[in-house]
């Protein structure tokens, strides 16, 4: 809780995965992947409760054993490969309101695929949102290895710059990176948003977004190579 506002963490963890079967519970350094997200919530001082939204009975049992709540199984129609985030959160918040009359003011979105986050970082992101009442959300970001100004897109048999124009810089796609505008890319680590924007704006991001810049390496686990990278980064952080 912060400033008398209820803070709920939601971890979306469906059972299916194209790249790695049962990815969300695949072992990472001896623990199921989802354990790292649940442990980071336990290390937070501001989160009141944590719910895992899953369609899998197996994930449900593991999550409960790790200390998370799983009061429902997510309907199959919103647990598909192409299911966006919004309906998952709409379902969870509607279920809680109807069954418990529980309406949290702040939601923390934790993807299992971002296992390197810490409870301290989560709390910093929550406090950042509270510092700016006009903000809708906070998203963890990092500086990309290649900015979009250096990217290209198909144009028939040719390619053309992804960004078509940048004032004051000719041939910006070949310019030194330091001379280009600063940009960020989002990461899988942390999302924090005001629950009211789900209904008011049909979004979990909104219009006024604050950056939470990560100053450490991160990984968004998609394949087995990412698991190896994450394991190395975990060992490095402990040492």
C-alpha atoms as a PDB file:
ATOM      1  CA  UNK A   1       0.000   0.000   0.000  1.00  0.00           C
ATOM      2  CA  UNK A   2       1.126   3.533  -0.726  1.00  0.00           C
ATOM      3  CA  UNK A   3      -0.656   6.690   0.421  1.00  0.00           C
ATOM      4  CA  UNK A   4      -3.580   4.463   1.512  1.00  0.00           C
ATOM      5  CA  UNK A   5      -3.894   3.086  -2.032  1.00  0.00           C
ATOM      6  CA  UNK A   6      -4.116  -0.670  -2.528  1.00  0.00           C
ATOM      7  CA  UNK A   7      -1.375  -2.121  -4.728  1.00  0.00           C
ATOM      8  CA  UNK A   8      -1.984  -5.397  -6.556  1.00  0.00           C
ATOM      9  CA  UNK A   9       0.632  -7.320  -8.530  1.00  0.00           C
ATOM     10  CA  UNK A  10      -0.635  -9.418 -11.434  1.00  0.00           C
ATOM     11  CA  UNK A  11       1.585 -12.012 -13.085  1.00  0.00           C
ATOM     12  CA  UNK A  12       0.153 -13.278 -16.393  1.00  0.00           C
ATOM     13  CA  UNK A  13       1.400 -16.833 -16.976  1.00  0.00           C
ATOM     14  CA  UNK A  14      -0.476 -18.903 -19.508  1.00  0.00           C
ATOM     15  CA  UNK A  15       0.380 -22.544 -19.965  1.00  0.00           C
ATOM     16  CA  UNK A  16       1.058 -22.540 -23.699  1.00  0.00           C
ATOM     17  CA  UNK A  17       4.257 -21.393 -25.385  1.00  0.00           C
ATOM     18  CA  UNK A  18       5.456 -21.919 -28.935  1.00  0.00           C
ATOM     19  CA  UNK A  19       9.175 -21.490 -28.361  1.00  0.00           C
ATOM     20  CA  UNK A  20       9.649 -23.477 -25.144  1.00  0.00           C
ATOM     21  CA  UNK A  21       6.911 -25.784 -23.819  1.00  0.00           C
ATOM     22  CA  UNK A  22       5.734 -24.653 -20.373  1.00  0.00           C
ATOM     23  CA  UNK A  23       8.145 -21.722 -20.552  1.00  0.00           C
ATOM     24  CA  UNK A  24       6.743 -19.949 -17.497  1.00  0.00           C
ATOM     25  CA  UNK A  25       7.703 -22.867 -15.244  1.00  0.00           C
ATOM     26  CA  UNK A  26      10.809 -23.981 -17.161  1.00  0.00           C
ATOM     27  CA  UNK A  27      13.794 -24.263 -14.767  1.00  0.00           C
ATOM     28  CA  UNK A  28      16.096 -21.271 -14.428  1.00  0.00           C
ATOM     29  CA  UNK A  29      19.051 -21.806 -12.101  1.00  0.00           C
ATOM     30  CA  UNK A  30      17.155 -24.559 -10.309  1.00  0.00           C
ATOM     31  CA  UNK A  31      13.806 -22.777  -9.899  1.00  0.00           C
ATOM     32  CA  UNK A  32      10.752 -22.441 -12.145  1.00  0.00           C
ATOM     33  CA  UNK A  33      10.901 -19.202 -14.115  1.00  0.00           C
ATOM     34  CA  UNK A  34       7.772 -17.781 -12.476  1.00  0.00           C
ATOM     35  CA  UNK A  35       9.395 -18.107  -9.037  1.00  0.00           C
ATOM     36  CA  UNK A  36      11.571 -15.063  -9.696  1.00  0.00           C
ATOM     37  CA  UNK A  37       8.550 -12.819 -10.272  1.00  0.00           C
ATOM     38  CA  UNK A  38       6.806 -14.058  -7.138  1.00  0.00           C
ATOM     39  CA  UNK A  39       9.962 -13.667  -5.063  1.00  0.00           C
ATOM     40  CA  UNK A  40      10.406 -10.076  -6.260  1.00  0.00           C
ATOM     41  CA  UNK A  41       6.866  -9.320  -5.029  1.00  0.00           C
ATOM     42  CA  UNK A  42       7.707 -10.797  -1.627  1.00  0.00           C
ATOM     43  CA  UNK A  43      10.721  -8.469  -1.482  1.00  0.00           C
ATOM     44  CA  UNK A  44       8.532  -5.440  -2.220  1.00  0.00           C
ATOM     45  CA  UNK A  45       7.401  -3.290   0.708  1.00  0.00           C
ATOM     46  CA  UNK A  46       4.481  -1.692  -1.140  1.00  0.00           C
ATOM     47  CA  UNK A  47       2.605  -4.550  -2.838  1.00  0.00           C
ATOM     48  CA  UNK A  48      -0.373  -5.852  -0.849  1.00  0.00           C
ATOM     49  CA  UNK A  49      -1.120  -9.046  -2.756  1.00  0.00           C
ATOM     50  CA  UNK A  50      -0.056 -10.956  -5.846  1.00  0.00           C
ATOM     51  CA  UNK A  51      -2.261 -12.897  -8.254  1.00  0.00           C
ATOM     52  CA  UNK A  52      -1.096 -15.212 -11.017  1.00  0.00           C
ATOM     53  CA  UNK A  53      -3.497 -15.207 -13.964  1.00  0.00           C
ATOM     54  CA  UNK A  54      -3.125 -18.579 -15.651  1.00  0.00           C
ATOM     55  CA  UNK A  55      -5.120 -21.109 -17.633  1.00  0.00           C
ATOM     56  CA  UNK A  56      -2.901 -23.966 -16.428  1.00  0.00           C
ATOM     57  CA  UNK A  57      -3.668 -26.114 -13.396  1.00  0.00           C
ATOM     58  CA  UNK A  58       0.022 -27.054 -13.213  1.00  0.00           C
ATOM     59  CA  UNK A  59       1.132 -23.415 -13.074  1.00  0.00           C
ATOM     60  CA  UNK A  60      -1.623 -22.723 -10.564  1.00  0.00           C
ATOM     61  CA  UNK A  61      -0.294 -25.352  -8.155  1.00  0.00           C
ATOM     62  CA  UNK A  62       3.302 -24.148  -8.502  1.00  0.00           C
ATOM     63  CA  UNK A  63       2.310 -20.496  -8.031  1.00  0.00           C
ATOM     64  CA  UNK A  64       0.311 -21.270  -4.898  1.00  0.00           C
ATOM     65  CA  UNK A  65       3.191 -23.299  -3.474  1.00  0.00           C
ATOM     66  CA  UNK A  66       5.440 -20.274  -4.047  1.00  0.00           C
ATOM     67  CA  UNK A  67       3.029 -18.024  -2.164  1.00  0.00           C
ATOM     68  CA  UNK A  68       0.949 -16.375  -4.899  1.00  0.00           C
ATOM     69  CA  UNK A  69      -2.842 -16.348  -5.152  1.00  0.00           C
ATOM     70  CA  UNK A  70      -4.607 -18.071  -8.054  1.00  0.00           C
ATOM     71  CA  UNK A  71      -8.301 -17.517  -7.282  1.00  0.00           C
ATOM     72  CA  UNK A  72      -9.412 -18.432 -10.805  1.00  0.00           C
ATOM     73  CA  UNK A  73      -8.279 -20.155 -13.988  1.00  0.00           C
ATOM     74  CA  UNK A  74      -8.135 -17.783 -16.932  1.00  0.00           C
ATOM     75  CA  UNK A  75     -10.636 -18.600 -19.701  1.00  0.00           C
ATOM     76  CA  UNK A  76      -9.081 -20.278 -22.739  1.00  0.00           C
ATOM     77  CA  UNK A  77     -10.268 -17.534 -25.098  1.00  0.00           C
ATOM     78  CA  UNK A  78      -7.953 -15.014 -23.414  1.00  0.00           C
ATOM     79  CA  UNK A  79      -5.012 -17.386 -23.076  1.00  0.00           C
ATOM     80  CA  UNK A  80      -4.032 -17.670 -26.737  1.00  0.00           C
ATOM     81  CA  UNK A  81      -0.738 -16.901 -28.501  1.00  0.00           C
ATOM     82  CA  UNK A  82      -2.093 -13.612 -29.852  1.00  0.00           C
ATOM     83  CA  UNK A  83      -4.068 -12.534 -26.780  1.00  0.00           C
ATOM     84  CA  UNK A  84      -3.129  -8.926 -25.889  1.00  0.00           C
ATOM     85  CA  UNK A  85      -2.536  -7.810 -22.304  1.00  0.00           C
ATOM     86  CA  UNK A  86      -5.683  -5.705 -21.820  1.00  0.00           C
ATOM     87  CA  UNK A  87      -8.356  -8.469 -21.694  1.00  0.00           C
ATOM     88  CA  UNK A  88      -6.225 -10.442 -19.226  1.00  0.00           C
ATOM     89  CA  UNK A  89      -6.240  -7.521 -16.797  1.00  0.00           C
ATOM     90  CA  UNK A  90      -9.872  -6.671 -17.482  1.00  0.00           C
ATOM     91  CA  UNK A  91     -10.821 -10.242 -16.576  1.00  0.00           C
ATOM     92  CA  UNK A  92      -8.787 -10.280 -13.358  1.00  0.00           C
ATOM     93  CA  UNK A  93     -10.034  -6.905 -12.112  1.00  0.00           C
ATOM     94  CA  UNK A  94     -13.664  -7.696 -12.997  1.00  0.00           C
ATOM     95  CA  UNK A  95     -13.422 -11.054 -11.183  1.00  0.00           C
ATOM     96  CA  UNK A  96     -12.016  -9.422  -8.048  1.00  0.00           C
ATOM     97  CA  UNK A  97     -14.621  -6.672  -8.041  1.00  0.00           C
ATOM     98  CA  UNK A  98     -17.531  -9.082  -8.524  1.00  0.00           C
ATOM     99  CA  UNK A  99     -16.404 -11.846  -6.159  1.00  0.00           C
ATOM    100  CA  UNK A 100     -14.609  -9.845  -3.450  1.00  0.00           C
ATOM    101  CA  UNK A 101     -15.569  -6.212  -4.049  1.00  0.00           C
ATOM    102  CA  UNK A 102     -11.816  -5.653  -4.157  1.00  0.00           C
ATOM    103  CA  UNK A 103     -10.751  -2.634  -6.213  1.00  0.00           C
ATOM    104  CA  UNK A 104      -7.016  -1.837  -6.100  1.00  0.00           C
ATOM    105  CA  UNK A 105      -5.892   1.627  -7.151  1.00  0.00           C
ATOM    106  CA  UNK A 106      -2.492   0.600  -8.491  1.00  0.00           C
ATOM    107  CA  UNK A 107      -1.588  -2.452 -10.569  1.00  0.00           C
ATOM    108  CA  UNK A 108       1.915  -3.848 -10.955  1.00  0.00           C
ATOM    109  CA  UNK A 109       2.358  -5.876 -14.137  1.00  0.00           C
ATOM    110  CA  UNK A 110       5.128  -8.467 -13.847  1.00  0.00           C
ATOM    111  CA  UNK A 111       5.920 -10.705 -16.783  1.00  0.00           C
ATOM    112  CA  UNK A 112       7.562 -14.018 -15.817  1.00  0.00           C
ATOM    113  CA  UNK A 113       9.962 -13.493 -18.737  1.00  0.00           C
ATOM    114  CA  UNK A 114      11.683 -10.618 -16.890  1.00  0.00           C
ATOM    115  CA  UNK A 115      13.248 -12.526 -13.965  1.00  0.00           C
ATOM    116  CA  UNK A 116      16.033 -10.082 -13.056  1.00  0.00           C
ATOM    117  CA  UNK A 117      13.873  -7.390 -11.430  1.00  0.00           C
ATOM    118  CA  UNK A 118      14.151  -6.735  -7.699  1.00  0.00           C
ATOM    119  CA  UNK A 119      11.630  -5.763  -5.046  1.00  0.00           C
ATOM    120  CA  UNK A 120      13.517  -2.495  -4.593  1.00  0.00           C
ATOM    121  CA  UNK A 121      13.076  -1.648  -8.273  1.00  0.00           C
ATOM    122  CA  UNK A 122       9.366  -2.440  -8.120  1.00  0.00           C
ATOM    123  CA  UNK A 123       8.919  -0.106  -5.149  1.00  0.00           C
ATOM    124  CA  UNK A 124      10.883   2.652  -6.894  1.00  0.00           C
ATOM    125  CA  UNK A 125       8.595   2.343  -9.926  1.00  0.00           C
ATOM    126  CA  UNK A 126       5.476   2.512  -7.721  1.00  0.00           C
ATOM    127  CA  UNK A 127       6.796   5.594  -5.936  1.00  0.00           C
ATOM    128  CA  UNK A 128       7.596   7.194  -9.293  1.00  0.00           C
ATOM    129  CA  UNK A 129       3.975   6.812 -10.393  1.00  0.00           C
ATOM    130  CA  UNK A 130       2.749   8.325  -7.127  1.00  0.00           C
ATOM    131  CA  UNK A 131       5.128  11.262  -7.515  1.00  0.00           C
ATOM    132  CA  UNK A 132       3.295  12.314 -10.693  1.00  0.00           C
ATOM    133  CA  UNK A 133      -0.498  12.304 -10.137  1.00  0.00           C
ATOM    134  CA  UNK A 134      -1.059  13.174 -13.806  1.00  0.00           C
ATOM    135  CA  UNK A 135       0.761  10.011 -14.969  1.00  0.00           C
ATOM    136  CA  UNK A 136      -1.134   6.942 -16.153  1.00  0.00           C
ATOM    137  CA  UNK A 137       1.696   4.447 -15.922  1.00  0.00           C
ATOM    138  CA  UNK A 138       5.368   3.644 -15.486  1.00  0.00           C
ATOM    139  CA  UNK A 139       7.245   1.292 -17.777  1.00  0.00           C
ATOM    140  CA  UNK A 140      10.725  -0.142 -17.353  1.00  0.00           C
ATOM    141  CA  UNK A 141      12.967   0.858 -20.232  1.00  0.00           C
ATOM    142  CA  UNK A 142      16.545   0.604 -21.390  1.00  0.00           C
ATOM    143  CA  UNK A 143      18.680   2.270 -24.026  1.00  0.00           C
ATOM    144  CA  UNK A 144      18.542   0.103 -27.169  1.00  0.00           C
ATOM    145  CA  UNK A 145      21.758  -1.231 -28.724  1.00  0.00           C
ATOM    146  CA  UNK A 146      20.589   0.209 -32.059  1.00  0.00           C
ATOM    147  CA  UNK A 147      18.228   3.218 -32.220  1.00  0.00           C
ATOM    148  CA  UNK A 148      15.384   3.231 -34.775  1.00  0.00           C
ATOM    149  CA  UNK A 149      17.222   5.910 -36.767  1.00  0.00           C
ATOM    150  CA  UNK A 150      19.668   3.216 -37.866  1.00  0.00           C
ATOM    151  CA  UNK A 151      16.973   0.713 -38.817  1.00  0.00           C
ATOM    152  CA  UNK A 152      15.676  -0.088 -42.311  1.00  0.00           C
ATOM    153  CA  UNK A 153      12.445  -1.530 -43.687  1.00  0.00           C
ATOM    154  CA  UNK A 154      11.606  -3.406 -46.916  1.00  0.00           C
ATOM    155  CA  UNK A 155      10.631  -1.373 -49.971  1.00  0.00           C
ATOM    156  CA  UNK A 156      10.057  -3.876 -52.751  1.00  0.00           C
ATOM    157  CA  UNK A 157      13.445  -5.319 -53.648  1.00  0.00           C
ATOM    158  CA  UNK A 158      15.121  -2.396 -51.849  1.00  0.00           C
ATOM    159  CA  UNK A 159      15.215  -1.071 -48.301  1.00  0.00           C
ATOM    160  CA  UNK A 160      14.585   2.424 -46.972  1.00  0.00           C
ATOM    161  CA  UNK A 161      15.161   4.077 -43.581  1.00  0.00           C
ATOM    162  CA  UNK A 162      12.623   3.056 -40.934  1.00  0.00           C
ATOM    163  CA  UNK A 163      12.513   6.699 -39.800  1.00  0.00           C
ATOM    164  CA  UNK A 164      11.884   8.788 -42.897  1.00  0.00           C
ATOM    165  CA  UNK A 165      13.064  12.177 -41.657  1.00  0.00           C
ATOM    166  CA  UNK A 166      15.141  13.675 -38.858  1.00  0.00           C
ATOM    167  CA  UNK A 167      15.455  17.481 -38.870  1.00  0.00           C
ATOM    168  CA  UNK A 168      18.960  18.873 -39.017  1.00  0.00           C
ATOM    169  CA  UNK A 169      20.809  15.604 -39.694  1.00  0.00           C
ATOM    170  CA  UNK A 170      21.471  14.423 -43.253  1.00  0.00           C
ATOM    171  CA  UNK A 171      21.940  10.662 -43.740  1.00  0.00           C
ATOM    172  CA  UNK A 172      21.153  10.196 -40.055  1.00  0.00           C
ATOM    173  CA  UNK A 173      21.082   6.412 -40.486  1.00  0.00           C
ATOM    174  CA  UNK A 174      24.881   6.522 -40.857  1.00  0.00           C
ATOM    175  CA  UNK A 175      25.498   9.243 -38.223  1.00  0.00           C
ATOM    176  CA  UNK A 176      27.292   8.508 -34.918  1.00  0.00           C
ATOM    177  CA  UNK A 177      24.847   7.205 -32.337  1.00  0.00           C
ATOM    178  CA  UNK A 178      25.846   9.966 -29.912  1.00  0.00           C
ATOM    179  CA  UNK A 179      24.537  12.605 -32.328  1.00  0.00           C
ATOM    180  CA  UNK A 180      21.063  11.054 -32.546  1.00  0.00           C
ATOM    181  CA  UNK A 181      18.093  11.778 -30.222  1.00  0.00           C
ATOM    182  CA  UNK A 182      17.802   9.652 -27.093  1.00  0.00           C
ATOM    183  CA  UNK A 183      15.271   6.822 -27.353  1.00  0.00           C
ATOM    184  CA  UNK A 184      14.216   3.986 -25.050  1.00  0.00           C
ATOM    185  CA  UNK A 185      12.919   0.491 -25.591  1.00  0.00           C
ATOM    186  CA  UNK A 186      10.591  -1.199 -23.117  1.00  0.00           C
ATOM    187  CA  UNK A 187      11.648  -4.278 -21.186  1.00  0.00           C
ATOM    188  CA  UNK A 188       9.758  -7.185 -19.640  1.00  0.00           C
ATOM    189  CA  UNK A 189      10.717  -6.207 -16.101  1.00  0.00           C
ATOM    190  CA  UNK A 190       8.132  -3.810 -14.644  1.00  0.00           C
ATOM    191  CA  UNK A 191       4.887  -2.092 -15.563  1.00  0.00           C
ATOM    192  CA  UNK A 192       2.903  -0.039 -13.055  1.00  0.00           C
ATOM    193  CA  UNK A 193      -0.409   1.634 -13.874  1.00  0.00           C
ATOM    194  CA  UNK A 194      -3.479   3.161 -12.283  1.00  0.00           C
ATOM    195  CA  UNK A 195      -6.313   0.659 -12.425  1.00  0.00           C
ATOM    196  CA  UNK A 196      -8.832   3.329 -13.483  1.00  0.00           C
ATOM    197  CA  UNK A 197      -7.256   3.583 -16.957  1.00  0.00           C
ATOM    198  CA  UNK A 198      -8.403   0.039 -17.731  1.00  0.00           C
ATOM    199  CA  UNK A 199     -12.001   1.236 -17.803  1.00  0.00           C
ATOM    200  CA  UNK A 200     -11.503   4.885 -18.691  1.00  0.00           C
ATOM    201  CA  UNK A 201      -8.956   4.432 -21.489  1.00  0.00           C
ATOM    202  CA  UNK A 202      -9.234   0.737 -22.327  1.00  0.00           C
ATOM    203  CA  UNK A 203      -5.501   0.458 -21.785  1.00  0.00           C
ATOM    204  CA  UNK A 204      -2.903  -0.686 -19.285  1.00  0.00           C
ATOM    205  CA  UNK A 205      -0.484   1.990 -20.470  1.00  0.00           C
ATOM    206  CA  UNK A 206      -2.524   5.133 -21.040  1.00  0.00           C
ATOM    207  CA  UNK A 207      -1.261   8.394 -22.514  1.00  0.00           C
ATOM    208  CA  UNK A 208       1.040   9.789 -19.828  1.00  0.00           C
ATOM    209  CA  UNK A 209       3.846   7.264 -19.439  1.00  0.00           C
ATOM    210  CA  UNK A 210       6.855   7.658 -17.159  1.00  0.00           C
ATOM    211  CA  UNK A 211      10.143   5.869 -17.961  1.00  0.00           C
ATOM    212  CA  UNK A 212      11.810   3.746 -15.301  1.00  0.00           C
ATOM    213  CA  UNK A 213      15.324   3.476 -16.710  1.00  0.00           C
ATOM    214  CA  UNK A 214      17.106   0.257 -15.805  1.00  0.00           C
ATOM    215  CA  UNK A 215      20.805   0.693 -15.146  1.00  0.00           C
ATOM    216  CA  UNK A 216      21.674  -2.972 -15.321  1.00  0.00           C
ATOM    217  CA  UNK A 217      21.594  -5.710 -17.964  1.00  0.00           C
ATOM    218  CA  UNK A 218      18.188  -7.226 -18.585  1.00  0.00           C
ATOM    219  CA  UNK A 219      16.697 -10.097 -20.541  1.00  0.00           C
ATOM    220  CA  UNK A 220      13.264 -10.915 -21.960  1.00  0.00           C
ATOM    221  CA  UNK A 221      13.173 -14.709 -22.061  1.00  0.00           C
ATOM    222  CA  UNK A 222      11.866 -16.117 -25.314  1.00  0.00           C
ATOM    223  CA  UNK A 223      14.099 -19.102 -26.108  1.00  0.00           C
ATOM    224  CA  UNK A 224      16.679 -21.367 -24.483  1.00  0.00           C
ATOM    225  CA  UNK A 225      19.528 -18.994 -25.315  1.00  0.00           C
ATOM    226  CA  UNK A 226      17.771 -16.345 -23.220  1.00  0.00           C
ATOM    227  CA  UNK A 227      17.614 -18.818 -20.325  1.00  0.00           C
ATOM    228  CA  UNK A 228      21.394 -19.254 -20.532  1.00  0.00           C
ATOM    229  CA  UNK A 229      21.917 -15.482 -20.591  1.00  0.00           C
ATOM    230  CA  UNK A 230      19.577 -15.024 -17.633  1.00  0.00           C
ATOM    231  CA  UNK A 231      21.404 -17.676 -15.635  1.00  0.00           C
ATOM    232  CA  UNK A 232      24.740 -15.980 -16.271  1.00  0.00           C
ATOM    233  CA  UNK A 233      23.320 -12.585 -15.262  1.00  0.00           C
ATOM    234  CA  UNK A 234      21.808 -14.063 -12.089  1.00  0.00           C
ATOM    235  CA  UNK A 235      25.164 -15.584 -11.119  1.00  0.00           C
ATOM    236  CA  UNK A 236      26.885 -12.278 -11.815  1.00  0.00           C
ATOM    237  CA  UNK A 237      24.407 -10.309  -9.677  1.00  0.00           C
ATOM    238  CA  UNK A 238      24.907 -12.692  -6.749  1.00  0.00           C
ATOM    239  CA  UNK A 239      28.687 -12.473  -6.967  1.00  0.00           C
END
